[in-house]
Each structure stands twice: as C-alpha cells, then as structure tokens.
Amino acid sequence: MKEHLEKLSHVARLHTMGEMASGIAHELNQPLTAISNYCQAAMQLLDGVEDVPPQVNSALKLAVAQAGRAGEIIKRLRALVSKRAIETRLIDVNQVVGNCMFLVEYDLRERGIEVVQLLSGYSIPVMADSIQLEQVVLNLLSNAMDALKDEPAMKRHVIVHTRREGKKGILEVRDTGRGITPDLLEVLFHPFFSTKPHGMGLGLSICQTIVEQYGGLISAENIPASGACFHIELPLALQAERQLT
C-alpha cells in the first residue's frame, strides 16, 4: 500500500510539473519575443549610423538568435510534457555535438576542463529533433563538469566520442571524475532522483524520455580508473544519409 501511494504521489508530481512547465513557457515567450524585437529595432537604428563598431551588430544578431533558440527550447518542453508529437528531421549527431561545444565553451574554460572530441569521420544521421538532442548532450556535459569540480586541475577531462556500430549511432560522454557508486547506477534515471543538494532530479529522466522516443537507449557505467560514461544509442537513418552530404 505504501509503494502504491508513493507511485500515486509521483504521478501527481509529474502532472504538476507539466502544468508548471506549460505556465512558465507561456510567460517566458512574451519577454523573449520582446528581446528579439528590441534587438532587431536597435540594428535598424544603427543601420544609418557611421563608425558603429562591427561587434555591436554581431552581438545583436547573436542575441536575436539565442532568443529564438530559447523560444524553440520552450516550445519543445511544452510538447514534451504535454505528450504532443515532435517534428523530426534528418540531423547529424556530430553537428549536434558541435553546437553544444560552442555553447559550453565558456564554462569549460572557466572550470579549467579540457575536452577531447573523438568524433566519427562519417556523419551520424538520425531522425530526431536537434534542439531536444542538444538538451540531452548539454545535460550530460553539465553533469560531467560537476563531477570534475573536486578533481585536480590536471585530471579535469571530458571525452566526447561518436561512432557507428552497425545500424546504430553511438554517442558517449565520459569524465575523469570518481565515477558513480553501484547503488546509484540503478536509480540514476529515476524521476526526482538527484545526487545534488538542490537538484530537482529531472535532468537524466528527461534525457531518457527524449532518447527513447526516437527509438534509442541511454545508459551509464563506470570506466575503471577513468570516471563515469554515459552511452547513447540511436538508430541510424542510413536510407536518408545522402541528404547530409
């Protein structure tokens, strides 16, 4: 009976999360649109002004792009929690990794973490939503960075590896931290489980939901004397691969 009540409580929390995410998304879309409009208006005002540093227009364009990207993330979050169908298209996992590395470059530099990218020389074509896969990779990179915070500077390494294995595309994110204890490996992807004092415990659970909805699998393991490794498998879209070349 206790276990049954805990499951009911858990489902209630999930529904609450969905409502909360939908409400937050609605509220955030308005200021994001305003940011984009103000930046575009500023670019128009500067169009006829002489001696404007080129960095100004570049920064404004990047602000517009990131506001748009944030809007897309919110849109997909609402779709995820409301179980609506996601529009998928042919994407390259290597490109997804590249986009994510650009976004975390500053954090990696600030924390003194070296990244080793072992990307496949071939494209890794999959049918998925690029923003959602970016969210998965960013979450794994964030966890890897957190795992290295107490390590000596010379031991702070993250390895990102992509490759093909038969009809599957493989993406691995490894760190050189202290690994994950065996008891935690069993519950790592459970919703609301977190090893962080103030964590919500939703990051890896959402990653699992995203990966599995594209017919993939995500798992975690310890690499002896080398920290933790998160392993993602996705079915290759080989029949559409020529579109990426």
C-alpha atoms as a PDB file:
ATOM      1  CA  MET A   1       0.000   0.000   0.000  1.00  0.00           C
ATOM      2  CA  LYS A   2       2.842   2.379   0.850  1.00  0.00           C
ATOM      3  CA  GLU A   3       4.519   1.700  -2.504  1.00  0.00           C
ATOM      4  CA  HIS A   4       1.223   2.242  -4.302  1.00  0.00           C
ATOM      5  CA  LEU A   5       0.684   5.589  -2.551  1.00  0.00           C
ATOM      6  CA  GLU A   6       4.217   6.655  -3.415  1.00  0.00           C
ATOM      7  CA  LYS A   7       3.540   5.915  -7.108  1.00  0.00           C
ATOM      8  CA  LEU A   8       0.305   7.904  -6.987  1.00  0.00           C
ATOM      9  CA  SER A   9       2.151  10.796  -5.368  1.00  0.00           C
ATOM     10  CA  HIS A  10       4.854  10.554  -8.000  1.00  0.00           C
ATOM     11  CA  VAL A  11       2.308  10.696 -10.850  1.00  0.00           C
ATOM     12  CA  ALA A  12       0.703  13.724  -9.222  1.00  0.00           C
ATOM     13  CA  ARG A  13       4.073  15.479  -9.126  1.00  0.00           C
ATOM     14  CA  LEU A  14       4.614  14.700 -12.815  1.00  0.00           C
ATOM     15  CA  HIS A  15       1.251  16.242 -13.700  1.00  0.00           C
ATOM     16  CA  THR A  16       2.127  19.276 -11.585  1.00  0.00           C
ATOM     17  CA  MET A  17       5.427  19.569 -13.413  1.00  0.00           C
ATOM     18  CA  GLY A  18       3.594  19.534 -16.742  1.00  0.00           C
ATOM     19  CA  GLU A  19       1.262  22.302 -15.673  1.00  0.00           C
ATOM     20  CA  MET A  20       4.123  24.323 -14.236  1.00  0.00           C
ATOM     21  CA  ALA A  21       6.216  23.944 -17.405  1.00  0.00           C
ATOM     22  CA  SER A  22       3.294  24.988 -19.590  1.00  0.00           C
ATOM     23  CA  GLY A  23       2.631  28.078 -17.471  1.00  0.00           C
ATOM     24  CA  ILE A  24       6.285  29.106 -17.355  1.00  0.00           C
ATOM     25  CA  ALA A  25       6.606  28.622 -21.110  1.00  0.00           C
ATOM     26  CA  HIS A  26       3.635  30.895 -21.738  1.00  0.00           C
ATOM     27  CA  GLU A  27       5.063  33.627 -19.512  1.00  0.00           C
ATOM     28  CA  LEU A  28       8.601  33.423 -20.934  1.00  0.00           C
ATOM     29  CA  ASN A  29       7.604  33.571 -24.581  1.00  0.00           C
ATOM     30  CA  GLN A  30       6.494  37.201 -24.234  1.00  0.00           C
ATOM     31  CA  PRO A  31       9.773  38.648 -22.866  1.00  0.00           C
ATOM     32  CA  LEU A  32      11.781  36.531 -25.335  1.00  0.00           C
ATOM     33  CA  THR A  33       9.785  37.986 -28.208  1.00  0.00           C
ATOM     34  CA  ALA A  34      10.332  41.474 -26.775  1.00  0.00           C
ATOM     35  CA  ILE A  35      14.102  40.895 -26.537  1.00  0.00           C
ATOM     36  CA  SER A  36      14.215  39.799 -30.163  1.00  0.00           C
ATOM     37  CA  ASN A  37      12.138  42.796 -31.307  1.00  0.00           C
ATOM     38  CA  TYR A  38      14.237  45.311 -29.362  1.00  0.00           C
ATOM     39  CA  CYS A  39      17.477  43.881 -30.777  1.00  0.00           C
ATOM     40  CA  GLN A  40      16.160  43.991 -34.339  1.00  0.00           C
ATOM     41  CA  ALA A  41      14.944  47.561 -33.820  1.00  0.00           C
ATOM     42  CA  ALA A  42      18.396  48.514 -32.492  1.00  0.00           C
ATOM     43  CA  MET A  43      20.033  47.034 -35.601  1.00  0.00           C
ATOM     44  CA  GLN A  44      17.721  49.089 -37.822  1.00  0.00           C
ATOM     45  CA  LEU A  45      18.505  52.282 -35.878  1.00  0.00           C
ATOM     46  CA  LEU A  46      22.240  51.623 -36.240  1.00  0.00           C
ATOM     47  CA  ASP A  47      21.977  50.894 -39.946  1.00  0.00           C
ATOM     48  CA  GLY A  48      22.465  54.526 -40.955  1.00  0.00           C
ATOM     49  CA  VAL A  49      24.922  55.455 -38.209  1.00  0.00           C
ATOM     50  CA  GLU A  50      28.579  55.854 -39.108  1.00  0.00           C
ATOM     51  CA  ASP A  51      31.529  54.447 -37.176  1.00  0.00           C
ATOM     52  CA  VAL A  52      29.493  51.755 -35.417  1.00  0.00           C
ATOM     53  CA  PRO A  53      31.845  49.002 -34.215  1.00  0.00           C
ATOM     54  CA  PRO A  54      31.068  45.767 -36.140  1.00  0.00           C
ATOM     55  CA  GLN A  55      30.983  43.904 -32.825  1.00  0.00           C
ATOM     56  CA  VAL A  56      27.770  45.729 -31.905  1.00  0.00           C
ATOM     57  CA  ASN A  57      25.771  44.373 -34.843  1.00  0.00           C
ATOM     58  CA  SER A  58      27.324  40.959 -34.345  1.00  0.00           C
ATOM     59  CA  ALA A  59      26.311  40.907 -30.676  1.00  0.00           C
ATOM     60  CA  LEU A  60      22.764  41.996 -31.515  1.00  0.00           C
ATOM     61  CA  LYS A  61      22.431  39.278 -34.159  1.00  0.00           C
ATOM     62  CA  LEU A  62      23.663  36.661 -31.677  1.00  0.00           C
ATOM     63  CA  ALA A  63      21.164  37.931 -29.088  1.00  0.00           C
ATOM     64  CA  VAL A  64      18.313  37.554 -31.592  1.00  0.00           C
ATOM     65  CA  ALA A  65      19.489  34.040 -32.487  1.00  0.00           C
ATOM     66  CA  GLN A  66      19.755  32.938 -28.851  1.00  0.00           C
ATOM     67  CA  ALA A  67      16.326  34.413 -28.028  1.00  0.00           C
ATOM     68  CA  GLY A  68      14.922  32.393 -30.911  1.00  0.00           C
ATOM     69  CA  ARG A  69      16.713  29.270 -29.711  1.00  0.00           C
ATOM     70  CA  ALA A  70      15.339  29.761 -26.190  1.00  0.00           C
ATOM     71  CA  GLY A  71      11.860  30.046 -27.669  1.00  0.00           C
ATOM     72  CA  GLU A  72      12.348  26.768 -29.527  1.00  0.00           C
ATOM     73  CA  ILE A  73      13.536  25.028 -26.348  1.00  0.00           C
ATOM     74  CA  ILE A  74      10.415  26.237 -24.515  1.00  0.00           C
ATOM     75  CA  LYS A  75       8.201  25.104 -27.391  1.00  0.00           C
ATOM     76  CA  ARG A  76       9.685  21.609 -27.274  1.00  0.00           C
ATOM     77  CA  LEU A  77       9.478  21.493 -23.475  1.00  0.00           C
ATOM     78  CA  ARG A  78       5.755  22.172 -23.678  1.00  0.00           C
ATOM     79  CA  ALA A  79       5.409  19.474 -26.327  1.00  0.00           C
ATOM     80  CA  LEU A  80       7.396  17.020 -24.192  1.00  0.00           C
ATOM     81  CA  VAL A  81       5.317  17.430 -21.035  1.00  0.00           C
ATOM     82  CA  SER A  82       2.027  17.512 -22.954  1.00  0.00           C
ATOM     83  CA  LYS A  83       2.971  14.365 -24.956  1.00  0.00           C
ATOM     84  CA  ARG A  84       2.362  16.063 -28.294  1.00  0.00           C
ATOM     85  CA  ALA A  85       4.138  14.766 -31.368  1.00  0.00           C
ATOM     86  CA  ILE A  86       7.553  16.281 -32.057  1.00  0.00           C
ATOM     87  CA  GLU A  87       8.545  17.210 -35.593  1.00  0.00           C
ATOM     88  CA  THR A  88      11.598  15.166 -36.522  1.00  0.00           C
ATOM     89  CA  ARG A  89      14.040  15.663 -39.357  1.00  0.00           C
ATOM     90  CA  LEU A  90      17.334  14.265 -40.548  1.00  0.00           C
ATOM     91  CA  ILE A  91      20.216  15.558 -38.428  1.00  0.00           C
ATOM     92  CA  ASP A  92      23.868  14.684 -37.857  1.00  0.00           C
ATOM     93  CA  VAL A  93      24.830  13.801 -34.284  1.00  0.00           C
ATOM     94  CA  ASN A  94      28.308  15.226 -34.945  1.00  0.00           C
ATOM     95  CA  GLN A  95      26.720  18.610 -35.708  1.00  0.00           C
ATOM     96  CA  VAL A  96      24.651  18.427 -32.532  1.00  0.00           C
ATOM     97  CA  VAL A  97      27.862  17.863 -30.558  1.00  0.00           C
ATOM     98  CA  GLY A  98      29.493  20.823 -32.311  1.00  0.00           C
ATOM     99  CA  ASN A  99      26.593  23.116 -31.415  1.00  0.00           C
ATOM    100  CA  CYS A 100      26.777  22.045 -27.779  1.00  0.00           C
ATOM    101  CA  MET A 101      30.531  22.516 -27.527  1.00  0.00           C
ATOM    102  CA  PHE A 102      30.096  26.087 -28.755  1.00  0.00           C
ATOM    103  CA  LEU A 103      27.506  26.753 -26.027  1.00  0.00           C
ATOM    104  CA  VAL A 104      29.583  25.334 -23.150  1.00  0.00           C
ATOM    105  CA  GLU A 105      32.954  26.674 -24.292  1.00  0.00           C
ATOM    106  CA  TYR A 106      32.968  29.473 -21.707  1.00  0.00           C
ATOM    107  CA  ASP A 107      32.010  27.188 -18.785  1.00  0.00           C
ATOM    108  CA  LEU A 108      34.681  24.666 -19.737  1.00  0.00           C
ATOM    109  CA  ARG A 109      37.343  27.360 -19.888  1.00  0.00           C
ATOM    110  CA  GLU A 110      36.258  28.873 -16.564  1.00  0.00           C
ATOM    111  CA  ARG A 111      36.456  25.493 -14.824  1.00  0.00           C
ATOM    112  CA  GLY A 112      39.768  24.548 -16.391  1.00  0.00           C
ATOM    113  CA  ILE A 113      38.343  21.462 -18.114  1.00  0.00           C
ATOM    114  CA  GLU A 114      39.916  20.041 -21.254  1.00  0.00           C
ATOM    115  CA  VAL A 115      37.620  18.375 -23.795  1.00  0.00           C
ATOM    116  CA  VAL A 116      38.745  15.618 -26.123  1.00  0.00           C
ATOM    117  CA  GLN A 117      36.427  15.206 -29.115  1.00  0.00           C
ATOM    118  CA  LEU A 118      36.697  11.824 -30.798  1.00  0.00           C
ATOM    119  CA  LEU A 119      34.093  12.383 -33.488  1.00  0.00           C
ATOM    120  CA  SER A 120      33.398   9.916 -36.257  1.00  0.00           C
ATOM    121  CA  GLY A 121      34.851  10.778 -39.648  1.00  0.00           C
ATOM    122  CA  TYR A 122      31.481   9.775 -41.079  1.00  0.00           C
ATOM    123  CA  SER A 123      28.202  11.541 -40.444  1.00  0.00           C
ATOM    124  CA  ILE A 124      25.898  10.028 -37.820  1.00  0.00           C
ATOM    125  CA  PRO A 125      22.483  10.520 -39.468  1.00  0.00           C
ATOM    126  CA  VAL A 126      19.425  10.110 -37.238  1.00  0.00           C
ATOM    127  CA  MET A 127      15.797  11.174 -37.400  1.00  0.00           C
ATOM    128  CA  ALA A 128      15.227  13.401 -34.383  1.00  0.00           C
ATOM    129  CA  ASP A 129      14.688  16.943 -33.140  1.00  0.00           C
ATOM    130  CA  SER A 130      18.037  18.760 -32.999  1.00  0.00           C
ATOM    131  CA  ILE A 131      17.062  21.021 -30.075  1.00  0.00           C
ATOM    132  CA  GLN A 132      15.994  18.061 -27.964  1.00  0.00           C
ATOM    133  CA  LEU A 133      19.197  16.156 -28.684  1.00  0.00           C
ATOM    134  CA  GLU A 134      21.184  19.276 -27.827  1.00  0.00           C
ATOM    135  CA  GLN A 135      19.396  19.380 -24.477  1.00  0.00           C
ATOM    136  CA  VAL A 136      20.454  15.777 -23.836  1.00  0.00           C
ATOM    137  CA  VAL A 137      24.101  16.410 -24.699  1.00  0.00           C
ATOM    138  CA  LEU A 138      24.190  19.666 -22.711  1.00  0.00           C
ATOM    139  CA  ASN A 139      22.779  17.889 -19.675  1.00  0.00           C
ATOM    140  CA  LEU A 140      25.417  15.163 -19.900  1.00  0.00           C
ATOM    141  CA  LEU A 141      28.188  17.733 -20.333  1.00  0.00           C
ATOM    142  CA  SER A 142      26.904  19.683 -17.334  1.00  0.00           C
ATOM    143  CA  ASN A 143      26.907  16.533 -15.195  1.00  0.00           C
ATOM    144  CA  ALA A 144      30.430  15.703 -16.373  1.00  0.00           C
ATOM    145  CA  MET A 145      31.650  19.188 -15.430  1.00  0.00           C
ATOM    146  CA  ASP A 146      30.057  18.872 -11.982  1.00  0.00           C
ATOM    147  CA  ALA A 147      31.762  15.507 -11.490  1.00  0.00           C
ATOM    148  CA  LEU A 148      35.160  17.166 -12.033  1.00  0.00           C
ATOM    149  CA  LYS A 149      34.790  20.119  -9.679  1.00  0.00           C
ATOM    150  CA  ASP A 150      36.788  18.467  -6.855  1.00  0.00           C
ATOM    151  CA  GLU A 151      39.434  16.922  -9.105  1.00  0.00           C
ATOM    152  CA  PRO A 152      42.957  18.360  -9.509  1.00  0.00           C
ATOM    153  CA  ALA A 153      43.381  20.664 -12.484  1.00  0.00           C
ATOM    154  CA  MET A 154      45.455  18.095 -14.387  1.00  0.00           C
ATOM    155  CA  LYS A 155      42.686  15.480 -14.089  1.00  0.00           C
ATOM    156  CA  ARG A 156      39.791  17.520 -15.423  1.00  0.00           C
ATOM    157  CA  HIS A 157      38.996  15.934 -18.764  1.00  0.00           C
ATOM    158  CA  VAL A 158      35.779  15.255 -20.672  1.00  0.00           C
ATOM    159  CA  ILE A 159      35.780  12.884 -23.632  1.00  0.00           C
ATOM    160  CA  VAL A 160      33.034  13.068 -26.258  1.00  0.00           C
ATOM    161  CA  HIS A 161      33.033  10.116 -28.625  1.00  0.00           C
ATOM    162  CA  THR A 162      30.755   9.427 -31.619  1.00  0.00           C
ATOM    163  CA  ARG A 163      30.871   6.406 -33.899  1.00  0.00           C
ATOM    164  CA  ARG A 164      28.820   3.965 -35.931  1.00  0.00           C
ATOM    165  CA  GLU A 165      28.138   0.413 -34.822  1.00  0.00           C
ATOM    166  CA  GLY A 166      26.164  -1.477 -37.437  1.00  0.00           C
ATOM    167  CA  LYS A 167      22.789   0.236 -37.790  1.00  0.00           C
ATOM    168  CA  LYS A 168      23.263   2.320 -34.641  1.00  0.00           C
ATOM    169  CA  GLY A 169      24.808   5.708 -33.985  1.00  0.00           C
ATOM    170  CA  ILE A 170      26.724   5.900 -30.704  1.00  0.00           C
ATOM    171  CA  LEU A 171      27.388   8.976 -28.582  1.00  0.00           C
ATOM    172  CA  GLU A 172      29.394   8.752 -25.368  1.00  0.00           C
ATOM    173  CA  VAL A 173      30.225  11.439 -22.818  1.00  0.00           C
ATOM    174  CA  ARG A 174      32.924  10.426 -20.337  1.00  0.00           C
ATOM    175  CA  ASP A 175      34.578  12.253 -17.475  1.00  0.00           C
ATOM    176  CA  THR A 176      37.692  11.564 -15.402  1.00  0.00           C
ATOM    177  CA  GLY A 177      35.925  12.007 -12.078  1.00  0.00           C
ATOM    178  CA  ARG A 178      35.345   9.480  -9.322  1.00  0.00           C
ATOM    179  CA  GLY A 179      32.556   7.585 -11.041  1.00  0.00           C
ATOM    180  CA  ILE A 180      29.105   6.571  -9.845  1.00  0.00           C
ATOM    181  CA  THR A 181      28.560   4.173  -6.956  1.00  0.00           C
ATOM    182  CA  PRO A 182      26.836   0.890  -7.931  1.00  0.00           C
ATOM    183  CA  ASP A 183      23.737   1.603  -5.838  1.00  0.00           C
ATOM    184  CA  LEU A 184      23.217   4.938  -7.595  1.00  0.00           C
ATOM    185  CA  LEU A 185      23.584   3.424 -11.064  1.00  0.00           C
ATOM    186  CA  GLU A 186      20.322   1.537 -10.505  1.00  0.00           C
ATOM    187  CA  VAL A 187      18.263   4.665  -9.815  1.00  0.00           C
ATOM    188  CA  LEU A 188      20.178   7.253 -11.814  1.00  0.00           C
ATOM    189  CA  PHE A 189      17.434   7.763 -14.412  1.00  0.00           C
ATOM    190  CA  HIS A 190      14.520   7.704 -11.982  1.00  0.00           C
ATOM    191  CA  PRO A 191      12.490  10.961 -11.980  1.00  0.00           C
ATOM    192  CA  PHE A 192      13.182  13.226  -8.993  1.00  0.00           C
ATOM    193  CA  PHE A 193      16.339  11.371  -8.011  1.00  0.00           C
ATOM    194  CA  SER A 194      19.374  13.638  -7.670  1.00  0.00           C
ATOM    195  CA  THR A 195      22.803  13.468  -6.074  1.00  0.00           C
ATOM    196  CA  LYS A 196      22.948  17.273  -5.964  1.00  0.00           C
ATOM    197  CA  PRO A 197      21.803  19.049  -2.774  1.00  0.00           C
ATOM    198  CA  HIS A 198      19.470  21.388  -4.641  1.00  0.00           C
ATOM    199  CA  GLY A 199      18.836  19.308  -7.761  1.00  0.00           C
ATOM    200  CA  MET A 200      15.300  18.578  -8.968  1.00  0.00           C
ATOM    201  CA  GLY A 201      16.235  15.134 -10.275  1.00  0.00           C
ATOM    202  CA  LEU A 202      14.619  15.633 -13.676  1.00  0.00           C
ATOM    203  CA  GLY A 203      17.614  16.095 -15.980  1.00  0.00           C
ATOM    204  CA  LEU A 204      18.533  12.464 -16.667  1.00  0.00           C
ATOM    205  CA  SER A 205      14.910  11.357 -16.581  1.00  0.00           C
ATOM    206  CA  ILE A 206      14.067  13.847 -19.334  1.00  0.00           C
ATOM    207  CA  CYS A 207      17.172  12.740 -21.267  1.00  0.00           C
ATOM    208  CA  GLN A 208      15.907   9.165 -21.136  1.00  0.00           C
ATOM    209  CA  THR A 209      12.437  10.209 -22.322  1.00  0.00           C
ATOM    210  CA  ILE A 210      13.897  12.135 -25.261  1.00  0.00           C
ATOM    211  CA  VAL A 211      16.286   9.373 -26.353  1.00  0.00           C
ATOM    212  CA  GLU A 212      13.700   6.598 -26.055  1.00  0.00           C
ATOM    213  CA  GLN A 213      11.079   8.460 -28.066  1.00  0.00           C
ATOM    214  CA  TYR A 214      13.466   8.233 -31.040  1.00  0.00           C
ATOM    215  CA  GLY A 215      13.896   4.504 -30.585  1.00  0.00           C
ATOM    216  CA  GLY A 216      17.186   4.866 -28.727  1.00  0.00           C
ATOM    217  CA  LEU A 217      18.704   3.812 -25.421  1.00  0.00           C
ATOM    218  CA  ILE A 218      20.703   5.679 -22.790  1.00  0.00           C
ATOM    219  CA  SER A 219      22.746   4.074 -20.037  1.00  0.00           C
ATOM    220  CA  ALA A 220      25.532   4.836 -17.597  1.00  0.00           C
ATOM    221  CA  GLU A 221      28.527   2.873 -16.428  1.00  0.00           C
ATOM    222  CA  ASN A 222      31.835   3.292 -14.673  1.00  0.00           C
ATOM    223  CA  ILE A 223      35.072   3.051 -16.629  1.00  0.00           C
ATOM    224  CA  PRO A 224      37.778   1.521 -14.390  1.00  0.00           C
ATOM    225  CA  ALA A 225      40.142   4.258 -13.152  1.00  0.00           C
ATOM    226  CA  SER A 226      38.529   6.717 -15.556  1.00  0.00           C
ATOM    227  CA  GLY A 227      35.248   8.006 -14.125  1.00  0.00           C
ATOM    228  CA  ALA A 228      31.698   7.722 -15.471  1.00  0.00           C
ATOM    229  CA  CYS A 229      30.493   7.171 -19.023  1.00  0.00           C
ATOM    230  CA  PHE A 230      27.028   7.952 -20.399  1.00  0.00           C
ATOM    231  CA  HIS A 231      26.234   5.916 -23.502  1.00  0.00           C
ATOM    232  CA  ILE A 232      23.530   6.771 -26.056  1.00  0.00           C
ATOM    233  CA  GLU A 233      22.424   4.557 -28.942  1.00  0.00           C
ATOM    234  CA  LEU A 234      20.181   5.866 -31.733  1.00  0.00           C
ATOM    235  CA  PRO A 235      19.013   4.085 -34.883  1.00  0.00           C
ATOM    236  CA  LEU A 236      20.824   5.348 -37.969  1.00  0.00           C
ATOM    237  CA  ALA A 237      18.779   6.855 -40.814  1.00  0.00           C
ATOM    238  CA  LEU A 238      21.040   5.331 -43.455  1.00  0.00           C
ATOM    239  CA  GLN A 239      18.429   5.479 -46.216  1.00  0.00           C
ATOM    240  CA  ALA A 240      18.360   9.305 -45.952  1.00  0.00           C
ATOM    241  CA  GLU A 241      22.085   9.825 -45.304  1.00  0.00           C
ATOM    242  CA  ARG A 242      22.803  11.276 -48.736  1.00  0.00           C
ATOM    243  CA  GLN A 243      20.775  14.365 -47.764  1.00  0.00           C
ATOM    244  CA  LEU A 244      23.525  15.310 -45.271  1.00  0.00           C
ATOM    245  CA  THR A 245      26.323  15.205 -47.852  1.00  0.00           C
END
